[in-house]
């Protein structure tokens, strides 16, 4: 269960970073 939670947190973090970069890219254009 701990592994699944760690994987979920990692995926969530990556998704947040991706969305943040996408937002910054849109704002800078």
N, C-alpha and C. Protein backbone atom coordinates (compact mmCIF):
# COMPACT_ATOMS: atom_id res chain seq x y z
N UNK A 1 0.83 -1.20 0.00
CA UNK A 1 0.00 0.00 0.00
C UNK A 1 0.87 1.26 0.00
N UNK A 2 1.97 1.20 0.73
CA UNK A 2 2.86 2.36 0.77
C UNK A 2 3.43 2.65 -0.62
N UNK A 3 3.73 1.57 -1.35
CA UNK A 3 4.29 1.75 -2.71
C UNK A 3 3.26 2.44 -3.60
N UNK A 4 2.02 2.00 -3.52
CA UNK A 4 0.98 2.60 -4.36
C UNK A 4 0.81 4.08 -4.03
N UNK A 5 0.86 4.40 -2.74
CA UNK A 5 0.72 5.81 -2.33
C UNK A 5 1.88 6.63 -2.85
N UNK A 6 3.09 6.08 -2.78
CA UNK A 6 4.27 6.79 -3.27
C UNK A 6 4.15 7.02 -4.77
N UNK A 7 3.70 6.00 -5.50
CA UNK A 7 3.56 6.14 -6.95
C UNK A 7 2.51 7.20 -7.27
N UNK A 8 1.42 7.21 -6.50
CA UNK A 8 0.35 8.18 -6.74
C UNK A 8 0.87 9.59 -6.49
N UNK A 9 1.64 9.76 -5.41
CA UNK A 9 2.19 11.08 -5.11
C UNK A 9 3.15 11.51 -6.21
N UNK A 10 3.94 10.57 -6.72
CA UNK A 10 4.90 10.90 -7.78
C UNK A 10 4.16 11.32 -9.05
N UNK A 11 3.13 10.56 -9.41
CA UNK A 11 2.36 10.89 -10.62
C UNK A 11 1.67 12.24 -10.45
N UNK A 12 1.15 12.50 -9.26
CA UNK A 12 0.48 13.78 -9.00
C UNK A 12 1.48 14.93 -9.11
N UNK A 13 2.67 14.74 -8.56
CA UNK A 13 3.70 15.78 -8.62
C UNK A 13 4.09 16.05 -10.06
N UNK A 14 4.30 14.98 -10.84
CA UNK A 14 4.66 15.16 -12.25
C UNK A 14 3.55 15.87 -13.01
N UNK A 15 2.31 15.52 -12.71
CA UNK A 15 1.17 16.15 -13.39
C UNK A 15 1.13 17.64 -13.04
N UNK A 16 1.35 17.96 -11.76
CA UNK A 16 1.34 19.36 -11.34
C UNK A 16 2.43 20.14 -12.04
N UNK A 17 3.62 19.56 -12.15
CA UNK A 17 4.74 20.23 -12.82
C UNK A 17 4.41 20.44 -14.30
N UNK A 18 3.84 19.41 -14.93
CA UNK A 18 3.49 19.50 -16.35
C UNK A 18 2.46 20.62 -16.57
N UNK A 19 1.43 20.65 -15.73
CA UNK A 19 0.39 21.67 -15.87
C UNK A 19 0.96 23.06 -15.60
N UNK A 20 1.84 23.17 -14.61
CA UNK A 20 2.43 24.47 -14.29
C UNK A 20 3.27 24.97 -15.46
N UNK A 21 4.07 24.08 -16.05
CA UNK A 21 4.91 24.48 -17.20
C UNK A 21 4.03 24.86 -18.38
N UNK A 22 2.95 24.12 -18.58
CA UNK A 22 2.04 24.40 -19.68
C UNK A 22 1.42 25.78 -19.49
N UNK A 23 1.02 26.08 -18.24
CA UNK A 23 0.43 27.38 -17.93
C UNK A 23 1.44 28.50 -18.17
N UNK A 24 2.66 28.30 -17.70
CA UNK A 24 3.70 29.32 -17.88
C UNK A 24 3.95 29.54 -19.36
N UNK A 25 3.97 28.46 -20.12
CA UNK A 25 4.20 28.57 -21.56
C UNK A 25 3.10 29.37 -22.23
N UNK A 26 1.87 29.14 -21.82
CA UNK A 26 0.73 29.86 -22.41
C UNK A 26 0.81 31.34 -22.03
N UNK A 27 1.17 31.60 -20.77
CA UNK A 27 1.23 33.00 -20.31
C UNK A 27 2.37 33.76 -20.99
N UNK A 28 3.49 33.09 -21.23
CA UNK A 28 4.64 33.78 -21.82
C UNK A 28 4.40 34.08 -23.29
N UNK A 29 3.51 33.33 -23.95
CA UNK A 29 3.23 33.55 -25.37
C UNK A 29 2.20 34.63 -25.56
